[in-house]
Amino acid sequence: MKIIFLKDVPKKGKKYEIKDISDGYALNFLIPNRLAEAATKEAIKKVEFIQSQDMAVRKVREDLLIKSLEKISASAITLLGKANEKGHLFAGIHTVEIVAEVKRSLHLDLDPEFIVLSKPIKEVGEYKIEIKVQDKSAILKVVIQKV
């Protein structure tokens, strides 16, 4: 059965992707849980229209972010985390926490996918994190302090 994913489903498909899935899985799980819908001609046209709108909005957001890269390079954010005596954090700092702090302190709308972070930050200290948008990049200074 051909379906259109309405949300990301791990190991199956991404949002707005059209795939061939077994009938039972589609009819008994994906469609009842509103994770997918049947790929009719009307639904495909609707999804293509939504995708084009999403791409336009994304392009505008990326252009605004590129203009703000200098502001990002010139600033630093501070995050607090619980840590032991040696400075090891009990919970790692992920891109989501960095995005939230950038939004709060710098008033910039940043997507987690623009942050280049190979693994979560797990120690107290000062880090330089790359923000990459299209072919441009900036370095954000992130300070992790013990609570």
N, C-alpha and C. Protein backbone atom coordinates (compact mmCIF):
# COMPACT_ATOMS: atom_id res chain seq x y z
N MET A 1 0.85 -1.18 0.00
CA MET A 1 0.00 0.00 0.00
C MET A 1 0.89 1.24 0.00
N LYS A 2 0.56 2.18 -0.85
CA LYS A 2 1.32 3.43 -0.92
C LYS A 2 0.73 4.42 0.07
N ILE A 3 1.63 4.98 0.93
CA ILE A 3 1.18 5.93 1.94
C ILE A 3 2.07 7.17 1.94
N ILE A 4 1.55 8.22 2.58
CA ILE A 4 2.31 9.46 2.79
C ILE A 4 2.48 9.60 4.29
N PHE A 5 3.72 9.71 4.74
CA PHE A 5 3.97 9.89 6.16
C PHE A 5 3.59 11.31 6.58
N LEU A 6 2.84 11.43 7.65
CA LEU A 6 2.46 12.74 8.19
C LEU A 6 3.40 13.18 9.30
N LYS A 7 4.13 12.24 9.87
CA LYS A 7 5.13 12.51 10.90
C LYS A 7 6.31 11.59 10.65
N ASP A 8 7.45 11.93 11.24
CA ASP A 8 8.62 11.05 11.15
C ASP A 8 8.34 9.77 11.93
N VAL A 9 8.60 8.64 11.29
CA VAL A 9 8.46 7.33 11.94
C VAL A 9 9.83 6.68 11.86
N PRO A 10 10.48 6.45 13.02
CA PRO A 10 11.83 5.89 13.01
C PRO A 10 11.92 4.59 12.20
N LYS A 11 12.93 4.50 11.39
CA LYS A 11 13.26 3.33 10.57
C LYS A 11 12.23 3.02 9.49
N LYS A 12 11.22 3.89 9.33
CA LYS A 12 10.20 3.66 8.29
C LYS A 12 10.16 4.78 7.27
N GLY A 13 10.10 6.03 7.73
CA GLY A 13 10.03 7.13 6.78
C GLY A 13 9.97 8.47 7.48
N LYS A 14 10.24 9.52 6.70
CA LYS A 14 10.23 10.88 7.22
C LYS A 14 8.93 11.57 6.80
N LYS A 15 8.66 12.68 7.45
CA LYS A 15 7.45 13.44 7.19
C LYS A 15 7.35 13.81 5.71
N TYR A 16 6.18 13.62 5.13
CA TYR A 16 5.83 13.91 3.73
C TYR A 16 6.49 12.96 2.73
N GLU A 17 7.15 11.92 3.19
CA GLU A 17 7.75 10.95 2.29
C GLU A 17 6.67 9.97 1.83
N ILE A 18 6.72 9.59 0.55
CA ILE A 18 5.76 8.64 0.00
C ILE A 18 6.48 7.30 -0.15
N LYS A 19 5.90 6.26 0.47
CA LYS A 19 6.54 4.95 0.45
C LYS A 19 5.51 3.85 0.29
N ASP A 20 6.00 2.70 -0.11
CA ASP A 20 5.19 1.49 -0.19
C ASP A 20 5.39 0.70 1.11
N ILE A 21 4.34 0.52 1.87
CA ILE A 21 4.39 -0.16 3.17
C ILE A 21 3.38 -1.31 3.13
N SER A 22 3.62 -2.34 3.91
CA SER A 22 2.69 -3.46 3.93
C SER A 22 1.30 -2.99 4.38
N ASP A 23 0.28 -3.61 3.80
CA ASP A 23 -1.10 -3.20 4.07
C ASP A 23 -1.45 -3.27 5.55
N GLY A 24 -1.07 -4.35 6.20
CA GLY A 24 -1.41 -4.53 7.60
C GLY A 24 -0.82 -3.46 8.49
N TYR A 25 0.45 -3.15 8.29
CA TYR A 25 1.12 -2.14 9.10
C TYR A 25 0.50 -0.77 8.86
N ALA A 26 0.19 -0.48 7.61
CA ALA A 26 -0.41 0.82 7.28
C ALA A 26 -1.82 0.93 7.86
N LEU A 27 -2.63 -0.07 7.64
CA LEU A 27 -4.04 -0.01 8.04
C LEU A 27 -4.25 -0.18 9.55
N ASN A 28 -3.38 -0.96 10.20
CA ASN A 28 -3.58 -1.23 11.62
C ASN A 28 -2.79 -0.32 12.55
N PHE A 29 -1.73 0.31 12.06
CA PHE A 29 -0.91 1.14 12.95
C PHE A 29 -0.75 2.57 12.45
N LEU A 30 -0.19 2.74 11.26
CA LEU A 30 0.17 4.08 10.79
C LEU A 30 -1.05 4.99 10.59
N ILE A 31 -2.04 4.51 9.87
CA ILE A 31 -3.21 5.36 9.58
C ILE A 31 -4.05 5.62 10.82
N PRO A 32 -4.38 4.62 11.66
CA PRO A 32 -5.17 4.91 12.87
C PRO A 32 -4.46 5.86 13.85
N ASN A 33 -3.14 5.82 13.90
CA ASN A 33 -2.39 6.70 14.81
C ASN A 33 -2.03 8.03 14.15
N ARG A 34 -2.58 8.28 12.99
CA ARG A 34 -2.37 9.53 12.23
C ARG A 34 -0.89 9.81 11.97
N LEU A 35 -0.16 8.75 11.72
CA LEU A 35 1.24 8.89 11.34
C LEU A 35 1.39 8.91 9.83
N ALA A 36 0.33 8.44 9.13
CA ALA A 36 0.36 8.38 7.67
C ALA A 36 -1.06 8.42 7.14
N GLU A 37 -1.15 8.65 5.83
CA GLU A 37 -2.44 8.58 5.15
C GLU A 37 -2.24 7.91 3.81
N ALA A 38 -3.32 7.40 3.24
CA ALA A 38 -3.24 6.74 1.94
C ALA A 38 -2.80 7.75 0.89
N ALA A 39 -1.97 7.30 -0.04
CA ALA A 39 -1.41 8.19 -1.06
C ALA A 39 -2.34 8.27 -2.26
N THR A 40 -3.41 9.04 -2.13
CA THR A 40 -4.31 9.30 -3.25
C THR A 40 -3.75 10.47 -4.06
N LYS A 41 -4.31 10.70 -5.25
CA LYS A 41 -3.83 11.81 -6.08
C LYS A 41 -4.01 13.15 -5.37
N GLU A 42 -5.16 13.31 -4.71
CA GLU A 42 -5.44 14.56 -4.00
C GLU A 42 -4.46 14.76 -2.84
N ALA A 43 -4.20 13.68 -2.11
CA ALA A 43 -3.29 13.76 -0.96
C ALA A 43 -1.88 14.09 -1.42
N ILE A 44 -1.45 13.51 -2.53
CA ILE A 44 -0.11 13.78 -3.06
C ILE A 44 0.01 15.25 -3.47
N LYS A 45 -1.02 15.78 -4.14
CA LYS A 45 -1.00 17.20 -4.53
C LYS A 45 -0.94 18.10 -3.29
N LYS A 46 -1.72 17.74 -2.27
CA LYS A 46 -1.74 18.53 -1.04
C LYS A 46 -0.37 18.52 -0.37
N VAL A 47 0.27 17.36 -0.32
CA VAL A 47 1.59 17.24 0.31
C VAL A 47 2.64 18.01 -0.48
N GLU A 48 2.58 17.95 -1.81
CA GLU A 48 3.53 18.72 -2.62
C GLU A 48 3.38 20.21 -2.38
N PHE A 49 2.14 20.68 -2.24
CA PHE A 49 1.89 22.10 -1.95
C PHE A 49 2.45 22.48 -0.57
N ILE A 50 2.21 21.64 0.42
CA ILE A 50 2.71 21.90 1.77
C ILE A 50 4.23 21.89 1.78
N GLN A 51 4.84 20.95 1.05
CA GLN A 51 6.31 20.89 0.98
C GLN A 51 6.88 22.15 0.35
N SER A 52 6.23 22.66 -0.69
CA SER A 52 6.74 23.87 -1.33
C SER A 52 6.64 25.06 -0.38
N GLN A 53 5.56 25.13 0.40
CA GLN A 53 5.43 26.19 1.40
C GLN A 53 6.49 26.05 2.48
N ASP A 54 6.71 24.84 2.95
CA ASP A 54 7.73 24.60 3.97
C ASP A 54 9.13 25.00 3.47
N MET A 55 9.42 24.68 2.22
CA MET A 55 10.72 25.03 1.66
C MET A 55 10.89 26.55 1.57
N ALA A 56 9.82 27.26 1.22
CA ALA A 56 9.90 28.72 1.13
C ALA A 56 10.14 29.33 2.52
N VAL A 57 9.43 28.83 3.51
CA VAL A 57 9.60 29.32 4.89
C VAL A 57 11.01 28.99 5.38
N ARG A 58 11.47 27.80 5.09
CA ARG A 58 12.82 27.39 5.51
C ARG A 58 13.88 28.28 4.87
N LYS A 59 13.71 28.59 3.59
CA LYS A 59 14.66 29.45 2.88
C LYS A 59 14.73 30.84 3.53
N VAL A 60 13.58 31.40 3.88
CA VAL A 60 13.54 32.72 4.53
C VAL A 60 14.24 32.65 5.89
N ARG A 61 13.96 31.60 6.66
CA ARG A 61 14.59 31.45 7.98
C ARG A 61 16.11 31.30 7.84
N GLU A 62 16.56 30.54 6.85
CA GLU A 62 18.00 30.37 6.63
C GLU A 62 18.65 31.70 6.25
N ASP A 63 17.99 32.47 5.39
CA ASP A 63 18.54 33.77 4.98
C ASP A 63 18.66 34.71 6.17
N LEU A 64 17.64 34.73 7.02
CA LEU A 64 17.70 35.57 8.22
C LEU A 64 18.80 35.11 9.16
N LEU A 65 18.97 33.82 9.27
CA LEU A 65 20.02 33.27 10.14
C LEU A 65 21.41 33.58 9.60
N ILE A 66 21.57 33.52 8.29
CA ILE A 66 22.87 33.87 7.69
C ILE A 66 23.23 35.31 8.01
N LYS A 67 22.25 36.19 7.99
CA LYS A 67 22.50 37.59 8.33
C LYS A 67 22.87 37.76 9.80
N SER A 68 22.46 36.83 10.64
CA SER A 68 22.71 36.90 12.07
C SER A 68 23.95 36.14 12.51
N LEU A 69 24.68 35.55 11.59
CA LEU A 69 25.85 34.76 11.96
C LEU A 69 26.92 35.60 12.65
N GLU A 70 27.07 36.87 12.27
CA GLU A 70 28.05 37.74 12.93
C GLU A 70 27.67 37.95 14.40
N LYS A 71 26.37 38.11 14.64
CA LYS A 71 25.89 38.28 16.01
C LYS A 71 26.18 37.02 16.83
N ILE A 72 26.03 35.87 16.20
CA ILE A 72 26.30 34.60 16.88
C ILE A 72 27.79 34.49 17.21
N SER A 73 28.65 34.86 16.27
CA SER A 73 30.10 34.76 16.48
C SER A 73 30.58 35.68 17.60
N ALA A 74 29.92 36.81 17.76
CA ALA A 74 30.35 37.80 18.75
C ALA A 74 29.76 37.56 20.13
N SER A 75 28.97 36.53 20.28
CA SER A 75 28.31 36.32 21.56
C SER A 75 28.65 34.98 22.18
N ALA A 76 28.28 34.85 23.44
CA ALA A 76 28.48 33.60 24.19
C ALA A 76 27.22 33.31 24.98
N ILE A 77 26.93 32.06 25.17
CA ILE A 77 25.79 31.67 26.00
C ILE A 77 26.31 30.83 27.16
N THR A 78 25.56 30.86 28.25
CA THR A 78 25.94 30.10 29.45
C THR A 78 24.81 29.13 29.78
N LEU A 79 25.17 27.89 29.98
CA LEU A 79 24.22 26.87 30.38
C LEU A 79 24.64 26.31 31.72
N LEU A 80 23.66 26.01 32.55
CA LEU A 80 23.92 25.45 33.87
C LEU A 80 23.55 23.97 33.88
N GLY A 81 24.36 23.19 34.57
CA GLY A 81 24.08 21.77 34.66
C GLY A 81 24.57 21.21 35.98
N LYS A 82 23.89 20.19 36.45
CA LYS A 82 24.33 19.52 37.67
C LYS A 82 25.56 18.69 37.35
N ALA A 83 26.58 18.82 38.20
CA ALA A 83 27.83 18.11 37.96
C ALA A 83 28.41 17.61 39.28
N ASN A 84 29.29 16.63 39.18
CA ASN A 84 29.98 16.13 40.38
C ASN A 84 31.20 17.00 40.68
N GLU A 85 31.99 16.60 41.66
CA GLU A 85 33.14 17.39 42.08
C GLU A 85 34.19 17.53 40.97
N LYS A 86 34.29 16.54 40.11
CA LYS A 86 35.29 16.56 39.05
C LYS A 86 34.83 17.36 37.82
N GLY A 87 33.58 17.80 37.81
CA GLY A 87 33.08 18.59 36.69
C GLY A 87 32.37 17.80 35.61
N HIS A 88 32.09 16.54 35.87
CA HIS A 88 31.35 15.72 34.92
C HIS A 88 29.85 15.95 35.12
N LEU A 89 29.16 16.28 34.05
CA LEU A 89 27.72 16.54 34.13
C LEU A 89 26.96 15.23 34.30
N PHE A 90 25.88 15.30 35.06
CA PHE A 90 25.03 14.11 35.24
C PHE A 90 24.20 13.85 33.98
N ALA A 91 23.82 14.92 33.28
CA ALA A 91 23.07 14.81 32.03
C ALA A 91 23.80 15.64 30.97
N GLY A 92 24.01 15.07 29.81
CA GLY A 92 24.72 15.77 28.75
C GLY A 92 23.92 16.93 28.20
N ILE A 93 24.62 17.91 27.67
CA ILE A 93 24.00 19.06 27.03
C ILE A 93 23.89 18.73 25.54
N HIS A 94 22.65 18.74 25.02
CA HIS A 94 22.40 18.40 23.63
C HIS A 94 22.08 19.67 22.83
N THR A 95 21.88 19.49 21.54
CA THR A 95 21.58 20.62 20.66
C THR A 95 20.28 21.32 21.06
N VAL A 96 19.32 20.57 21.57
CA VAL A 96 18.03 21.15 21.95
C VAL A 96 18.21 22.20 23.05
N GLU A 97 19.05 21.91 24.04
CA GLU A 97 19.30 22.87 25.12
C GLU A 97 20.02 24.11 24.59
N ILE A 98 20.95 23.90 23.66
CA ILE A 98 21.68 25.02 23.08
C ILE A 98 20.74 25.91 22.28
N VAL A 99 19.85 25.30 21.49
CA VAL A 99 18.87 26.05 20.70
C VAL A 99 17.97 26.88 21.61
N ALA A 100 17.51 26.28 22.70
CA ALA A 100 16.62 26.99 23.63
C ALA A 100 17.33 28.19 24.25
N GLU A 101 18.59 28.04 24.62
CA GLU A 101 19.33 29.14 25.22
C GLU A 101 19.64 30.24 24.20
N VAL A 102 19.94 29.86 22.96
CA VAL A 102 20.16 30.86 21.89
C VAL A 102 18.89 31.65 21.66
N LYS A 103 17.77 30.96 21.65
CA LYS A 103 16.48 31.63 21.45
C LYS A 103 16.18 32.59 22.60
N ARG A 104 16.48 32.15 23.82
CA ARG A 104 16.18 32.96 25.00
C ARG A 104 17.12 34.16 25.11
N SER A 105 18.41 33.95 24.95
CA SER A 105 19.36 35.03 25.21
C SER A 105 19.67 35.88 23.97
N LEU A 106 19.75 35.27 22.80
CA LEU A 106 20.10 36.03 21.59
C LEU A 106 18.89 36.39 20.73
N HIS A 107 17.73 35.84 21.07
CA HIS A 107 16.48 36.08 20.33
C HIS A 107 16.61 35.69 18.86
N LEU A 108 17.24 34.55 18.62
CA LEU A 108 17.38 34.03 17.27
C LEU A 108 16.67 32.68 17.17
N ASP A 109 15.99 32.49 16.06
CA ASP A 109 15.28 31.23 15.82
C ASP A 109 16.23 30.29 15.08
N LEU A 110 16.78 29.34 15.80
CA LEU A 110 17.81 28.45 15.28
C LEU A 110 17.28 27.01 15.33
N ASP A 111 17.47 26.27 14.25
CA ASP A 111 17.07 24.87 14.23
C ASP A 111 18.23 24.00 14.73
N PRO A 112 17.93 22.90 15.42
CA PRO A 112 18.99 22.02 15.92
C PRO A 112 19.87 21.44 14.82
N GLU A 113 19.33 21.32 13.61
CA GLU A 113 20.11 20.73 12.52
C GLU A 113 21.26 21.62 12.06
N PHE A 114 21.23 22.91 12.40
CA PHE A 114 22.30 23.83 12.02
C PHE A 114 23.49 23.76 12.97
N ILE A 115 23.32 23.14 14.12
CA ILE A 115 24.39 23.05 15.11
C ILE A 115 25.21 21.79 14.83
N VAL A 116 26.52 21.99 14.71
CA VAL A 116 27.43 20.85 14.46
C VAL A 116 27.97 20.42 15.81
N LEU A 117 27.40 19.34 16.33
CA LEU A 117 27.79 18.81 17.64
C LEU A 117 27.87 17.29 17.49
N SER A 118 29.09 16.76 17.50
CA SER A 118 29.25 15.33 17.24
C SER A 118 28.70 14.46 18.38
N LYS A 119 28.84 14.94 19.61
CA LYS A 119 28.33 14.20 20.76
C LYS A 119 27.92 15.21 21.83
N PRO A 120 27.05 14.82 22.75
CA PRO A 120 26.62 15.74 23.81
C PRO A 120 27.80 16.20 24.67
N ILE A 121 27.68 17.41 25.19
CA ILE A 121 28.71 17.95 26.08
C ILE A 121 28.48 17.34 27.45
N LYS A 122 29.53 16.78 28.04
CA LYS A 122 29.37 16.08 29.31
C LYS A 122 30.25 16.60 30.42
N GLU A 123 30.95 17.71 30.18
CA GLU A 123 31.82 18.26 31.22
C GLU A 123 31.65 19.77 31.31
N VAL A 124 31.91 20.29 32.49
CA VAL A 124 31.87 21.72 32.73
C VAL A 124 33.06 22.34 31.99
N GLY A 125 32.84 23.51 31.40
CA GLY A 125 33.93 24.18 30.71
C GLY A 125 33.44 25.10 29.62
N GLU A 126 34.38 25.51 28.78
CA GLU A 126 34.09 26.44 27.69
C GLU A 126 34.26 25.69 26.38
N TYR A 127 33.27 25.80 25.50
CA TYR A 127 33.28 25.08 24.23
C TYR A 127 32.99 26.03 23.09
N LYS A 128 33.56 25.72 21.93
CA LYS A 128 33.28 26.47 20.72
C LYS A 128 32.51 25.55 19.80
N ILE A 129 31.28 25.93 19.50
CA ILE A 129 30.39 25.09 18.72
C ILE A 129 30.14 25.76 17.37
N GLU A 130 30.22 24.98 16.31
CA GLU A 130 30.01 25.52 14.97
C GLU A 130 28.53 25.54 14.63
N ILE A 131 28.09 26.67 14.09
CA ILE A 131 26.73 26.82 13.56
C ILE A 131 26.90 26.91 12.06
N LYS A 132 26.34 25.97 11.32
CA LYS A 132 26.52 25.93 9.87
C LYS A 132 25.17 26.04 9.17
N VAL A 133 25.05 27.11 8.36
CA VAL A 133 23.84 27.34 7.59
C VAL A 133 24.25 27.43 6.13
N GLN A 134 23.70 26.55 5.31
CA GLN A 134 24.08 26.42 3.89
C GLN A 134 25.60 26.29 3.80
N ASP A 135 26.30 27.24 3.19
CA ASP A 135 27.75 27.14 3.08
C ASP A 135 28.48 28.10 4.00
N LYS A 136 27.75 28.80 4.85
CA LYS A 136 28.33 29.76 5.79
C LYS A 136 28.33 29.15 7.19
N SER A 137 29.30 29.60 8.01
CA SER A 137 29.34 29.08 9.37
C SER A 137 29.82 30.14 10.34
N ALA A 138 29.55 29.91 11.61
CA ALA A 138 29.97 30.80 12.69
C ALA A 138 30.30 29.93 13.89
N ILE A 139 31.10 30.48 14.79
CA ILE A 139 31.48 29.76 16.00
C ILE A 139 30.78 30.41 17.19
N LEU A 140 30.02 29.62 17.92
CA LEU A 140 29.30 30.09 19.11
C LEU A 140 30.07 29.61 20.34
N LYS A 141 30.32 30.52 21.24
CA LYS A 141 31.00 30.17 22.47
C LYS A 141 29.95 29.74 23.50
N VAL A 142 30.09 28.52 24.01
CA VAL A 142 29.15 27.96 24.98
C VAL A 142 29.92 27.70 26.26
N VAL A 143 29.44 28.27 27.37
CA VAL A 143 30.07 28.08 28.67
C VAL A 143 29.12 27.20 29.50
N ILE A 144 29.64 26.09 29.97
CA ILE A 144 28.88 25.18 30.82
C ILE A 144 29.37 25.39 32.26
N GLN A 145 28.44 25.74 33.14
CA GLN A 145 28.78 25.97 34.54
C GLN A 145 28.06 24.98 35.44
N LYS A 146 28.69 24.70 36.56
CA LYS A 146 28.13 23.78 37.56
C LYS A 146 27.09 24.52 38.38
N VAL A 147 25.98 23.83 38.63
CA VAL A 147 24.92 24.42 39.47
C VAL A 147 25.29 24.25 40.92
